[in-house]
Every structure is written in structure tokens, then in C-alpha cells.
Amino acid sequence: MVQSELGLARVFGLSKPDGSYRPNDYSSCESPEAMGKALLESVGLRDPSTAEINKAIALNDAFVDGLERLRDEAMELRGVLRDPSTAEINKAIALAEINKAIALNDAFVDGLERLRDEAMELRGE
């Protein structure tokens, strides 16, 4: 059974050169459309339409933009707070950064799931 899954993974491009199987690894997506389709399939929407894929791409773009804003804010704060005496402040900032990233991810996944639910309802599934 495992060998057949690995064989299918190789055929569909889901295995890596080291032979490992990573079905949720999006690094093999060669276009935004492939990424959008993979994201929707990861939340259970089979055969997404072009419009659904485009909405998933927009959600992913917004998610990445949010992460980049978070990165920029964190780097700015870290540049200001380089003094070793501010270790506790730096820990608090790091925790806040993690919580913001989690919130961004949650909103992204919620958006994908809403898109899936709307699509499935329109399809009568």
C-alpha cells in the first residue's frame, strides 16, 4: 500500500527528490493558479472553477501581504529595541508577532473554508 502511494506521489509530482511524500507542500506549484487549486483542494473542494481559484489566489495574496507587513513592523521594532536590557520587551514583542501571524493564518483558512462552502452550496454538494 505504501509503495503504491509513493508511486502515485511520483506520478503526480507530490514526491521530492529524496523520495519523501509531502501532499501539502506547495513549493511544487508552478503558477498562482496551481497554488490556488491546491489550497482549495486542501480544504476539501474538488475540481475548483477558475473563479474559485482566482478567489483563493486573492486570499493567499492578502495573507502574504499581511505576513510581510508583520515582518516589516517586527523588524522596525527590533531595530529600535536592540539594547540587551530590553530582553523582556523583546520576548513580549516576539509573542505578539506570533499571535498576529496565527490570527492572519486563521483568517486565511477561514476565508478558504467560506469559499469552499459557497462553492459547494452553488454546486448542490
C-alpha atoms as a PDB file:
ATOM      1  CA  MET A   1       0.000   0.000   0.000  1.00  0.00           C
ATOM      2  CA  VAL A   2       2.754   2.446   0.941  1.00  0.00           C
ATOM      3  CA  GLN A   3       4.689   1.672  -2.266  1.00  0.00           C
ATOM      4  CA  SER A   4       1.626   2.355  -4.407  1.00  0.00           C
ATOM      5  CA  GLU A   5       1.048   5.684  -2.635  1.00  0.00           C
ATOM      6  CA  LEU A   6       4.671   6.651  -3.215  1.00  0.00           C
ATOM      7  CA  GLY A   7       4.338   5.630  -6.862  1.00  0.00           C
ATOM      8  CA  LEU A   8       1.245   7.811  -7.264  1.00  0.00           C
ATOM      9  CA  ALA A   9       3.034  10.650  -5.489  1.00  0.00           C
ATOM     10  CA  ARG A  10       5.856  10.444  -8.035  1.00  0.00           C
ATOM     11  CA  VAL A  11       3.439  10.372 -10.979  1.00  0.00           C
ATOM     12  CA  PHE A  12       1.532  13.431  -9.725  1.00  0.00           C
ATOM     13  CA  GLY A  13       4.640  15.327  -8.641  1.00  0.00           C
ATOM     14  CA  LEU A  14       3.964  15.090  -4.909  1.00  0.00           C
ATOM     15  CA  SER A  15       7.211  13.375  -4.005  1.00  0.00           C
ATOM     16  CA  LYS A  16      10.527  15.117  -3.530  1.00  0.00           C
ATOM     17  CA  PRO A  17      13.914  14.030  -4.911  1.00  0.00           C
ATOM     18  CA  ASP A  18      14.683  12.369  -1.581  1.00  0.00           C
ATOM     19  CA  GLY A  19      11.621  10.134  -2.108  1.00  0.00           C
ATOM     20  CA  SER A  20       9.528  11.704   0.635  1.00  0.00           C
ATOM     21  CA  TYR A  21       5.810  12.297   0.146  1.00  0.00           C
ATOM     22  CA  ARG A  22       4.503  15.742   1.073  1.00  0.00           C
ATOM     23  CA  PRO A  23       0.961  16.248  -0.234  1.00  0.00           C
ATOM     24  CA  ASN A  24       0.566  19.712   1.344  1.00  0.00           C
ATOM     25  CA  ASP A  25       3.920  21.029   0.114  1.00  0.00           C
ATOM     26  CA  TYR A  26       3.038  23.944  -2.144  1.00  0.00           C
ATOM     27  CA  SER A  27       6.618  24.515  -3.311  1.00  0.00           C
ATOM     28  CA  SER A  28       5.929  22.337  -6.353  1.00  0.00           C
ATOM     29  CA  CYS A  29       3.151  24.663  -7.559  1.00  0.00           C
ATOM     30  CA  GLU A  30       4.405  26.246 -10.747  1.00  0.00           C
ATOM     31  CA  SER A  31       1.802  29.009 -11.023  1.00  0.00           C
ATOM     32  CA  PRO A  32      -0.585  31.039  -8.887  1.00  0.00           C
ATOM     33  CA  GLU A  33      -3.421  29.007 -10.396  1.00  0.00           C
ATOM     34  CA  ALA A  34      -1.825  25.737  -9.278  1.00  0.00           C
ATOM     35  CA  MET A  35      -1.368  27.213  -5.793  1.00  0.00           C
ATOM     36  CA  GLY A  36      -5.000  28.372  -5.650  1.00  0.00           C
ATOM     37  CA  LYS A  37      -6.232  24.968  -6.770  1.00  0.00           C
ATOM     38  CA  ALA A  38      -4.006  23.173  -4.238  1.00  0.00           C
ATOM     39  CA  LEU A  39      -5.180  25.453  -1.431  1.00  0.00           C
ATOM     40  CA  LEU A  40      -8.841  24.800  -2.225  1.00  0.00           C
ATOM     41  CA  GLU A  41      -8.253  21.070  -2.514  1.00  0.00           C
ATOM     42  CA  SER A  42      -6.510  21.169   0.880  1.00  0.00           C
ATOM     43  CA  VAL A  43      -9.793  22.300   2.461  1.00  0.00           C
ATOM     44  CA  GLY A  44     -11.859  19.723   0.581  1.00  0.00           C
ATOM     45  CA  LEU A  45     -13.079  21.498  -2.570  1.00  0.00           C
ATOM     46  CA  ARG A  46     -12.674  19.151  -5.508  1.00  0.00           C
ATOM     47  CA  ASP A  47     -12.339  20.447  -9.070  1.00  0.00           C
ATOM     48  CA  PRO A  48     -12.459  24.180  -8.288  1.00  0.00           C
ATOM     49  CA  SER A  49     -13.575  26.528 -11.061  1.00  0.00           C
ATOM     50  CA  THR A  50     -11.408  29.290 -12.469  1.00  0.00           C
ATOM     51  CA  ALA A  51     -13.390  31.889 -10.485  1.00  0.00           C
ATOM     52  CA  GLU A  52     -12.915  29.905  -7.260  1.00  0.00           C
ATOM     53  CA  ILE A  53      -9.199  29.522  -7.950  1.00  0.00           C
ATOM     54  CA  ASN A  54      -8.911  33.283  -8.573  1.00  0.00           C
ATOM     55  CA  LYS A  55     -10.619  33.987  -5.222  1.00  0.00           C
ATOM     56  CA  ALA A  56      -8.202  31.600  -3.484  1.00  0.00           C
ATOM     57  CA  ILE A  57      -5.269  33.394  -5.143  1.00  0.00           C
ATOM     58  CA  ALA A  58      -6.601  36.719  -3.830  1.00  0.00           C
ATOM     59  CA  LEU A  59      -6.958  35.260  -0.323  1.00  0.00           C
ATOM     60  CA  ASN A  60      -3.404  33.916  -0.483  1.00  0.00           C
ATOM     61  CA  ASP A  61      -2.084  37.279  -1.720  1.00  0.00           C
ATOM     62  CA  ALA A  62      -3.818  39.078   1.171  1.00  0.00           C
ATOM     63  CA  PHE A  63      -2.376  36.533   3.616  1.00  0.00           C
ATOM     64  CA  VAL A  64       1.163  37.006   2.289  1.00  0.00           C
ATOM     65  CA  ASP A  65       0.742  40.807   2.322  1.00  0.00           C
ATOM     66  CA  GLY A  66      -0.299  40.596   5.983  1.00  0.00           C
ATOM     67  CA  LEU A  67       2.721  38.466   6.844  1.00  0.00           C
ATOM     68  CA  GLU A  68       5.017  40.897   5.051  1.00  0.00           C
ATOM     69  CA  ARG A  69       3.504  43.851   6.977  1.00  0.00           C
ATOM     70  CA  LEU A  70       4.014  41.903  10.196  1.00  0.00           C
ATOM     71  CA  ARG A  71       7.635  41.237   9.219  1.00  0.00           C
ATOM     72  CA  ASP A  72       8.241  44.915   8.451  1.00  0.00           C
ATOM     73  CA  GLU A  73       6.696  46.047  11.758  1.00  0.00           C
ATOM     74  CA  ALA A  74       8.692  43.462  13.702  1.00  0.00           C
ATOM     75  CA  MET A  75      11.956  44.412  12.017  1.00  0.00           C
ATOM     76  CA  GLU A  76      11.320  48.079  12.748  1.00  0.00           C
ATOM     77  CA  LEU A  77      10.590  47.367  16.413  1.00  0.00           C
ATOM     78  CA  ARG A  78      13.581  45.071  16.727  1.00  0.00           C
ATOM     79  CA  GLY A  79      15.832  47.727  15.240  1.00  0.00           C
ATOM     80  CA  VAL A  80      14.698  50.178  17.900  1.00  0.00           C
ATOM     81  CA  LEU A  81      14.976  47.703  20.769  1.00  0.00           C
ATOM     82  CA  ARG A  82      18.498  46.284  20.411  1.00  0.00           C
ATOM     83  CA  ASP A  83      19.522  47.121  23.990  1.00  0.00           C
ATOM     84  CA  PRO A  84      20.171  43.855  25.926  1.00  0.00           C
ATOM     85  CA  SER A  85      18.365  45.331  28.932  1.00  0.00           C
ATOM     86  CA  THR A  86      15.136  45.114  26.962  1.00  0.00           C
ATOM     87  CA  ALA A  87      15.095  41.294  26.817  1.00  0.00           C
ATOM     88  CA  GLU A  88      11.636  41.041  28.407  1.00  0.00           C
ATOM     89  CA  ILE A  89      10.243  43.618  26.000  1.00  0.00           C
ATOM     90  CA  ASN A  90      11.743  41.672  23.085  1.00  0.00           C
ATOM     91  CA  LYS A  91      10.106  38.455  24.342  1.00  0.00           C
ATOM     92  CA  ALA A  92       6.754  40.240  24.583  1.00  0.00           C
ATOM     93  CA  ILE A  93       7.163  41.596  21.048  1.00  0.00           C
ATOM     94  CA  ALA A  94       8.045  38.128  19.732  1.00  0.00           C
ATOM     95  CA  LEU A  95       4.933  36.667  21.372  1.00  0.00           C
ATOM     96  CA  ALA A  96       2.798  39.442  19.891  1.00  0.00           C
ATOM     97  CA  GLU A  97       4.319  38.731  16.443  1.00  0.00           C
ATOM     98  CA  ILE A  98       3.469  35.048  16.767  1.00  0.00           C
ATOM     99  CA  ASN A  99      -0.094  35.837  17.826  1.00  0.00           C
ATOM    100  CA  LYS A 100      -0.534  38.208  14.864  1.00  0.00           C
ATOM    101  CA  ALA A 101       0.765  35.529  12.480  1.00  0.00           C
ATOM    102  CA  ILE A 102      -1.644  32.980  13.978  1.00  0.00           C
ATOM    103  CA  ALA A 103      -4.539  35.413  13.573  1.00  0.00           C
ATOM    104  CA  LEU A 104      -3.557  36.057   9.939  1.00  0.00           C
ATOM    105  CA  ASN A 105      -3.391  32.329   9.263  1.00  0.00           C
ATOM    106  CA  ASP A 106      -6.748  31.728  10.955  1.00  0.00           C
ATOM    107  CA  ALA A 107      -8.384  34.443   8.841  1.00  0.00           C
ATOM    108  CA  PHE A 108      -6.814  32.969   5.698  1.00  0.00           C
ATOM    109  CA  VAL A 109      -8.046  29.443   6.449  1.00  0.00           C
ATOM    110  CA  ASP A 110     -11.493  30.786   7.388  1.00  0.00           C
ATOM    111  CA  GLY A 111     -11.639  32.563   4.031  1.00  0.00           C
ATOM    112  CA  LEU A 112     -10.699  29.398   2.154  1.00  0.00           C
ATOM    113  CA  GLU A 113     -13.316  27.409   4.072  1.00  0.00           C
ATOM    114  CA  ARG A 114     -16.017  30.030   3.345  1.00  0.00           C
ATOM    115  CA  LEU A 115     -15.069  29.924  -0.331  1.00  0.00           C
ATOM    116  CA  ARG A 116     -15.294  26.111  -0.272  1.00  0.00           C
ATOM    117  CA  ASP A 117     -18.686  26.197   1.448  1.00  0.00           C
ATOM    118  CA  GLU A 118     -20.088  28.771  -1.001  1.00  0.00           C
ATOM    119  CA  ALA A 119     -18.819  26.787  -3.988  1.00  0.00           C
ATOM    120  CA  MET A 120     -20.204  23.517  -2.676  1.00  0.00           C
ATOM    121  CA  GLU A 121     -23.571  25.154  -1.970  1.00  0.00           C
ATOM    122  CA  LEU A 122     -23.729  26.566  -5.510  1.00  0.00           C
ATOM    123  CA  ARG A 123     -22.878  23.116  -6.881  1.00  0.00           C
ATOM    124  CA  GLY A 124     -25.548  21.483  -4.716  1.00  0.00           C
ATOM    125  CA  GLU A 125     -22.984  19.325  -2.874  1.00  0.00           C
END
